[in-house]
Amino acid sequence: YGISRAVVCDASDVIGVAPATPVGVTRLLGWVADVRALNAGAAIHLTINRAPRDAFRKAELEQEIRRTFEPVSLVFLPHDPRVEAAAWSGTLVASGPYAKAVAELATKVVPPPLSPARARRGSGKRRGRVPVVAR
C-alpha cells in the first residue's frame, strides 16, 4: 500500500482499470479521487475491462464516468477469450480485439519513439517513465 502511494505521488501518468460493471465504475471513480488527493497533476487514463459490445451499455458506462470525471483518455477493452487462453498457457495474448485496444491505450499514454535523426537533435520536452499501479 505504501509503495503504491509513493509511486502515484511521483507519477506523471496513471492508468486505472476497472471491470465493466456499475460497482467497478463506482470503485474506479473512488480510486480517481484518491489519486487526485495524492497527485493533483498526474494525467489519469481510465480503462474499462471486458467492456460490453452493446453500444447502449458502453455509452452508459462512459456517461457515468464522464459525468463525474474527465480522464485524459478512456479506452474500452473488449472481452476476448484469447486473454484467458493466454493466461492459462502463460503466453502473450494473440492479436485480436483486446490486443488492438491495449495498443490504442499505449499510444495515448506513451509518446511515440523518436526517429534516429530527431533523437540526435533532441526532442525538447522530456517525459518521465510511466509507472503502472494496480489496485
Protein backbone atom coordinates (compact mmCIF):
# COMPACT_ATOMS: atom_id res chain seq x y z
CA TYR A 1 0.00 0.00 0.00
CA GLY A 2 2.75 2.45 0.92
CA ILE A 3 4.77 1.69 -2.18
CA SER A 4 1.72 2.19 -4.41
CA ARG A 5 1.05 5.56 -2.80
CA ALA A 6 4.67 6.65 -3.30
CA VAL A 7 4.57 5.63 -6.97
CA VAL A 8 1.31 7.54 -7.53
CA CYS A 9 2.78 10.63 -5.85
CA ASP A 10 5.69 10.67 -8.33
CA ALA A 11 3.84 9.54 -11.48
CA SER A 12 3.27 11.80 -14.46
CA ASP A 13 0.62 9.42 -15.85
CA VAL A 14 -1.55 6.91 -14.03
CA ILE A 15 -3.77 4.23 -15.58
CA GLY A 16 -6.86 3.00 -13.75
CA VAL A 17 -8.52 -0.24 -14.82
CA ALA A 18 -11.97 -1.40 -13.77
CA PRO A 19 -14.43 -4.09 -14.79
CA ALA A 20 -17.38 -3.00 -16.91
CA THR A 21 -19.91 -3.11 -14.08
CA PRO A 22 -21.66 -0.43 -12.03
CA VAL A 23 -19.66 -1.48 -8.96
CA GLY A 24 -16.43 -1.45 -10.97
CA VAL A 25 -17.08 2.08 -12.23
CA THR A 26 -18.02 3.28 -8.73
CA ARG A 27 -14.79 1.91 -7.30
CA LEU A 28 -12.79 3.34 -10.20
CA LEU A 29 -14.17 6.82 -9.56
CA GLY A 30 -13.33 6.47 -5.86
CA TRP A 31 -9.81 5.50 -6.90
CA VAL A 32 -9.61 8.61 -9.11
CA ALA A 33 -10.42 10.75 -6.06
CA ASP A 34 -7.64 9.02 -4.13
CA VAL A 35 -5.16 9.61 -6.97
CA ARG A 36 -6.13 13.29 -7.18
CA ALA A 37 -5.55 13.66 -3.43
CA LEU A 38 -2.05 12.19 -3.79
CA ASN A 39 -1.04 13.79 -7.08
CA ALA A 40 -3.23 16.55 -8.49
CA GLY A 41 -1.03 16.98 -11.56
CA ALA A 42 -0.95 13.40 -12.83
CA ALA A 43 -2.61 12.63 -16.14
CA ILE A 44 -5.25 9.97 -15.44
CA HIS A 45 -6.11 7.45 -18.14
CA LEU A 46 -9.05 5.13 -17.49
CA THR A 47 -9.64 1.70 -18.93
CA ILE A 48 -12.78 -0.39 -18.74
CA ASN A 49 -12.02 -4.10 -18.96
CA ARG A 50 -14.37 -6.66 -20.52
CA ALA A 51 -16.47 -3.88 -21.99
CA PRO A 52 -19.84 -4.87 -23.40
CA ARG A 53 -20.35 -4.93 -27.16
CA ASP A 54 -23.75 -3.36 -26.70
CA ALA A 55 -23.37 0.32 -27.67
CA PHE A 56 -26.08 1.39 -25.21
CA ARG A 57 -24.40 -0.24 -22.18
CA LYS A 58 -20.98 1.03 -23.25
CA ALA A 59 -22.42 4.56 -23.58
CA GLU A 60 -23.98 4.24 -20.11
CA LEU A 61 -20.60 3.38 -18.60
CA GLU A 62 -18.86 6.21 -20.44
CA GLN A 63 -21.54 8.73 -19.50
CA GLU A 64 -21.30 7.82 -15.81
CA ILE A 65 -17.52 8.18 -15.84
CA ARG A 66 -17.51 11.47 -17.74
CA ARG A 67 -20.32 12.86 -15.58
CA THR A 68 -18.02 12.61 -12.59
CA PHE A 69 -14.52 12.92 -14.05
CA GLU A 70 -12.99 13.76 -17.44
CA PRO A 71 -9.98 11.45 -17.95
CA VAL A 72 -7.15 12.25 -20.33
CA SER A 73 -8.20 9.10 -22.17
CA LEU A 74 -10.89 6.47 -21.80
CA VAL A 75 -10.39 3.10 -23.50
CA PHE A 76 -12.75 0.14 -23.53
CA LEU A 77 -11.05 -3.26 -23.58
CA PRO A 78 -13.41 -5.84 -25.07
CA HIS A 79 -13.98 -9.31 -23.69
CA ASP A 80 -11.70 -11.56 -25.70
CA PRO A 81 -11.41 -15.30 -24.93
CA ARG A 82 -7.77 -15.15 -26.13
CA VAL A 83 -6.87 -13.29 -22.92
CA GLU A 84 -7.99 -16.18 -20.70
CA ALA A 85 -6.36 -18.73 -23.01
CA ALA A 86 -3.08 -16.81 -22.87
CA ALA A 87 -3.27 -16.59 -19.07
CA TRP A 88 -3.71 -20.35 -18.77
CA SER A 89 -0.93 -21.14 -21.22
CA GLY A 90 1.44 -18.47 -19.90
CA THR A 91 1.81 -16.80 -23.27
CA LEU A 92 1.17 -13.36 -24.74
CA VAL A 93 -2.33 -12.55 -25.92
CA ALA A 94 -2.68 -13.29 -29.61
CA SER A 95 -3.59 -10.37 -31.81
CA GLY A 96 -7.28 -9.59 -31.76
CA PRO A 97 -9.72 -7.05 -30.37
CA TYR A 98 -8.15 -6.98 -26.88
CA ALA A 99 -4.57 -6.56 -28.12
CA LYS A 100 -5.73 -3.84 -30.51
CA ALA A 101 -7.45 -1.92 -27.69
CA VAL A 102 -4.37 -2.21 -25.43
CA ALA A 103 -2.23 -0.85 -28.29
CA GLU A 104 -4.65 2.09 -28.56
CA LEU A 105 -4.25 2.77 -24.83
CA ALA A 106 -0.46 2.58 -25.13
CA THR A 107 -0.39 5.20 -27.87
CA LYS A 108 -2.37 7.55 -25.63
CA VAL A 109 -0.02 7.13 -22.67
CA VAL A 110 3.46 6.55 -24.11
CA PRO A 111 4.81 9.04 -26.64
CA PRO A 112 5.85 7.56 -29.99
CA PRO A 113 9.56 6.75 -30.29
CA LEU A 114 11.78 9.37 -31.81
CA SER A 115 13.22 8.86 -35.26
CA PRO A 116 17.03 8.49 -35.15
CA ALA A 117 17.52 11.94 -36.76
CA ARG A 118 15.18 13.64 -34.31
CA ALA A 119 16.75 11.83 -31.35
CA ARG A 120 20.16 13.27 -32.29
CA ARG A 121 18.75 16.82 -32.44
CA GLY A 122 16.89 16.40 -29.15
CA SER A 123 13.17 16.40 -28.65
CA GLY A 124 12.90 19.38 -26.34
CA LYS A 125 10.41 18.36 -23.68
CA ARG A 126 11.16 15.16 -21.77
CA ARG A 127 8.63 12.86 -20.18
CA GLY A 128 9.30 10.61 -17.25
CA ARG A 129 8.63 6.94 -17.07
CA VAL A 130 5.04 5.84 -16.69
CA PRO A 131 4.63 3.69 -13.59
CA VAL A 132 1.84 1.12 -13.58
CA VAL A 133 -0.18 0.94 -10.39
CA ALA A 134 -2.58 -1.91 -9.78
CA ARG A 135 -5.44 -1.62 -7.38
